[in-house]
Amino acid sequence: MTLPIFIAAAVAEIAGCFTFWAWWRLEKSVWWLLPGMASLALFAWLLSLAGADAAGRAYAAYGGIYICASLGWLWMAEGVRPDRFDLIGAVICLVGAGIILLAPRAA
């Protein structure tokens, strides 16, 4: 159940952050910030649902999913196709996230 939570959290975080980007860098209306703040609150709530034994470990493992979702956003929302270095980096991050999240821990 952790992976779907991380994916939903990543979408909420990226969407929320993008509204600030759009307001500041793309000169969109200040009203863009309202759904952005709601999206960021949803992100925080979703991340708190992650099945990890410590918040810091959940945040670290989530980072790999966030990176992949950001590259998806780059391609889908901004029309910039990730290159091979983006994809290699994303795979490395996912492996790291998997190690952090799934490694056996001493009791």
C-alpha atoms as a PDB file:
ATOM      1  CA  MET A   1       0.000   0.000   0.000  1.00  0.00           C
ATOM      2  CA  THR A   2       2.989   2.323   0.453  1.00  0.00           C
ATOM      3  CA  LEU A   3       3.738   2.682  -3.271  1.00  0.00           C
ATOM      4  CA  PRO A   4       0.263   3.998  -4.224  1.00  0.00           C
ATOM      5  CA  ILE A   5       0.436   6.430  -1.288  1.00  0.00           C
ATOM      6  CA  PHE A   6       3.853   7.668  -2.424  1.00  0.00           C
ATOM      7  CA  ILE A   7       2.623   8.095  -6.006  1.00  0.00           C
ATOM      8  CA  ALA A   8      -0.465  10.034  -4.905  1.00  0.00           C
ATOM      9  CA  ALA A   9       1.669  12.156  -2.561  1.00  0.00           C
ATOM     10  CA  ALA A  10       4.110  12.932  -5.377  1.00  0.00           C
ATOM     11  CA  VAL A  11       1.335  14.058  -7.707  1.00  0.00           C
ATOM     12  CA  ALA A  12      -0.152  16.250  -4.970  1.00  0.00           C
ATOM     13  CA  GLU A  13       3.214  17.776  -4.103  1.00  0.00           C
ATOM     14  CA  ILE A  14       4.254  18.456  -7.673  1.00  0.00           C
ATOM     15  CA  ALA A  15       0.860  19.934  -8.563  1.00  0.00           C
ATOM     16  CA  GLY A  16       0.930  22.134  -5.466  1.00  0.00           C
ATOM     17  CA  CYS A  17       4.459  23.338  -6.113  1.00  0.00           C
ATOM     18  CA  PHE A  18       3.680  23.957  -9.771  1.00  0.00           C
ATOM     19  CA  THR A  19       0.909  26.380  -8.841  1.00  0.00           C
ATOM     20  CA  PHE A  20       3.507  28.507  -7.028  1.00  0.00           C
ATOM     21  CA  TRP A  21       5.819  28.219 -10.049  1.00  0.00           C
ATOM     22  CA  ALA A  22       2.967  29.256 -12.343  1.00  0.00           C
ATOM     23  CA  TRP A  23       2.049  32.226 -10.157  1.00  0.00           C
ATOM     24  CA  TRP A  24       5.610  33.459  -9.700  1.00  0.00           C
ATOM     25  CA  ARG A  25       7.368  32.473 -12.930  1.00  0.00           C
ATOM     26  CA  LEU A  26       4.514  32.303 -15.423  1.00  0.00           C
ATOM     27  CA  GLU A  27       2.653  35.315 -14.004  1.00  0.00           C
ATOM     28  CA  LYS A  28      -0.594  33.439 -13.373  1.00  0.00           C
ATOM     29  CA  SER A  29      -3.227  34.843 -11.021  1.00  0.00           C
ATOM     30  CA  VAL A  30      -2.596  34.773  -7.296  1.00  0.00           C
ATOM     31  CA  TRP A  31      -5.722  32.610  -7.098  1.00  0.00           C
ATOM     32  CA  TRP A  32      -3.633  29.708  -8.410  1.00  0.00           C
ATOM     33  CA  LEU A  33      -2.142  29.537  -4.913  1.00  0.00           C
ATOM     34  CA  LEU A  34      -5.378  28.389  -3.237  1.00  0.00           C
ATOM     35  CA  PRO A  35      -5.612  24.986  -4.930  1.00  0.00           C
ATOM     36  CA  GLY A  36      -1.842  24.769  -4.649  1.00  0.00           C
ATOM     37  CA  MET A  37      -1.962  25.093  -0.874  1.00  0.00           C
ATOM     38  CA  ALA A  38      -4.766  22.527  -0.679  1.00  0.00           C
ATOM     39  CA  SER A  39      -2.718  20.172  -2.828  1.00  0.00           C
ATOM     40  CA  LEU A  40       0.315  20.603  -0.574  1.00  0.00           C
ATOM     41  CA  ALA A  41      -1.819  19.882   2.498  1.00  0.00           C
ATOM     42  CA  LEU A  42      -3.086  16.724   0.784  1.00  0.00           C
ATOM     43  CA  PHE A  43       0.525  15.776   0.059  1.00  0.00           C
ATOM     44  CA  ALA A  44       1.489  16.098   3.729  1.00  0.00           C
ATOM     45  CA  TRP A  45      -1.490  14.039   4.857  1.00  0.00           C
ATOM     46  CA  LEU A  46      -0.841  11.309   2.288  1.00  0.00           C
ATOM     47  CA  LEU A  47       2.819  11.056   3.213  1.00  0.00           C
ATOM     48  CA  SER A  48       1.860  10.613   6.868  1.00  0.00           C
ATOM     49  CA  LEU A  49      -0.010   7.434   5.834  1.00  0.00           C
ATOM     50  CA  ALA A  50       3.132   5.749   4.488  1.00  0.00           C
ATOM     51  CA  GLY A  51       3.943   2.415   6.071  1.00  0.00           C
ATOM     52  CA  ALA A  52       7.403   3.077   7.464  1.00  0.00           C
ATOM     53  CA  ASP A  53       8.765   2.751  10.964  1.00  0.00           C
ATOM     54  CA  ALA A  54      10.071   6.342  11.075  1.00  0.00           C
ATOM     55  CA  ALA A  55       9.038   9.581   9.388  1.00  0.00           C
ATOM     56  CA  GLY A  56      12.541  10.355   8.120  1.00  0.00           C
ATOM     57  CA  ARG A  57      12.820   6.928   6.527  1.00  0.00           C
ATOM     58  CA  ALA A  58       9.434   7.367   4.818  1.00  0.00           C
ATOM     59  CA  TYR A  59      10.497  10.780   3.502  1.00  0.00           C
ATOM     60  CA  ALA A  60      13.811   9.406   2.222  1.00  0.00           C
ATOM     61  CA  ALA A  61      12.161   6.485   0.438  1.00  0.00           C
ATOM     62  CA  TYR A  62       9.510   8.809  -0.975  1.00  0.00           C
ATOM     63  CA  GLY A  63      12.263  10.883  -2.555  1.00  0.00           C
ATOM     64  CA  GLY A  64      12.876   8.258  -5.228  1.00  0.00           C
ATOM     65  CA  ILE A  65       9.205   8.203  -6.178  1.00  0.00           C
ATOM     66  CA  TYR A  66       9.125  12.012  -6.196  1.00  0.00           C
ATOM     67  CA  ILE A  67      12.040  12.154  -8.625  1.00  0.00           C
ATOM     68  CA  CYS A  68      10.328   9.756 -11.038  1.00  0.00           C
ATOM     69  CA  ALA A  69       7.036  11.628 -10.753  1.00  0.00           C
ATOM     70  CA  SER A  70       8.847  14.904 -11.415  1.00  0.00           C
ATOM     71  CA  LEU A  71      10.254  13.503 -14.638  1.00  0.00           C
ATOM     72  CA  GLY A  72       6.759  12.356 -15.565  1.00  0.00           C
ATOM     73  CA  TRP A  73       5.503  15.892 -14.915  1.00  0.00           C
ATOM     74  CA  LEU A  74       8.359  17.279 -17.007  1.00  0.00           C
ATOM     75  CA  TRP A  75       7.212  15.158 -19.923  1.00  0.00           C
ATOM     76  CA  MET A  76       3.408  15.245 -19.538  1.00  0.00           C
ATOM     77  CA  ALA A  77       2.811  18.794 -18.273  1.00  0.00           C
ATOM     78  CA  GLU A  78       5.774  20.694 -19.658  1.00  0.00           C
ATOM     79  CA  GLY A  79       6.314  18.800 -22.902  1.00  0.00           C
ATOM     80  CA  VAL A  80      10.015  18.133 -22.265  1.00  0.00           C
ATOM     81  CA  ARG A  81      10.974  14.512 -22.810  1.00  0.00           C
ATOM     82  CA  PRO A  82      13.396  13.134 -20.177  1.00  0.00           C
ATOM     83  CA  ASP A  83      16.725  12.083 -21.648  1.00  0.00           C
ATOM     84  CA  ARG A  84      18.715   8.936 -20.889  1.00  0.00           C
ATOM     85  CA  PHE A  85      20.559  10.593 -18.021  1.00  0.00           C
ATOM     86  CA  ASP A  86      17.263  11.568 -16.410  1.00  0.00           C
ATOM     87  CA  LEU A  87      16.094   7.964 -16.711  1.00  0.00           C
ATOM     88  CA  ILE A  88      19.356   6.465 -15.426  1.00  0.00           C
ATOM     89  CA  GLY A  89      19.249   8.815 -12.448  1.00  0.00           C
ATOM     90  CA  ALA A  90      15.619   7.901 -11.763  1.00  0.00           C
ATOM     91  CA  VAL A  91      16.437   4.187 -11.756  1.00  0.00           C
ATOM     92  CA  ILE A  92      19.302   4.768  -9.326  1.00  0.00           C
ATOM     93  CA  CYS A  93      16.966   6.752  -7.063  1.00  0.00           C
ATOM     94  CA  LEU A  94      14.309   4.017  -7.160  1.00  0.00           C
ATOM     95  CA  VAL A  95      16.871   1.389  -6.217  1.00  0.00           C
ATOM     96  CA  GLY A  96      17.976   3.572  -3.312  1.00  0.00           C
ATOM     97  CA  ALA A  97      14.399   4.178  -2.212  1.00  0.00           C
ATOM     98  CA  GLY A  98      13.718   0.448  -2.337  1.00  0.00           C
ATOM     99  CA  ILE A  99      16.748  -0.309  -0.197  1.00  0.00           C
ATOM    100  CA  ILE A 100      15.713   2.291   2.370  1.00  0.00           C
ATOM    101  CA  LEU A 101      12.107   1.133   2.533  1.00  0.00           C
ATOM    102  CA  LEU A 102      12.447  -2.631   2.216  1.00  0.00           C
ATOM    103  CA  ALA A 103      15.720  -3.445   3.962  1.00  0.00           C
ATOM    104  CA  PRO A 104      15.401  -5.768   6.975  1.00  0.00           C
ATOM    105  CA  ARG A 105      15.795  -3.838  10.202  1.00  0.00           C
ATOM    106  CA  ALA A 106      17.054  -5.026  13.548  1.00  0.00           C
ATOM    107  CA  ALA A 107      14.260  -5.185  16.108  1.00  0.00           C
END
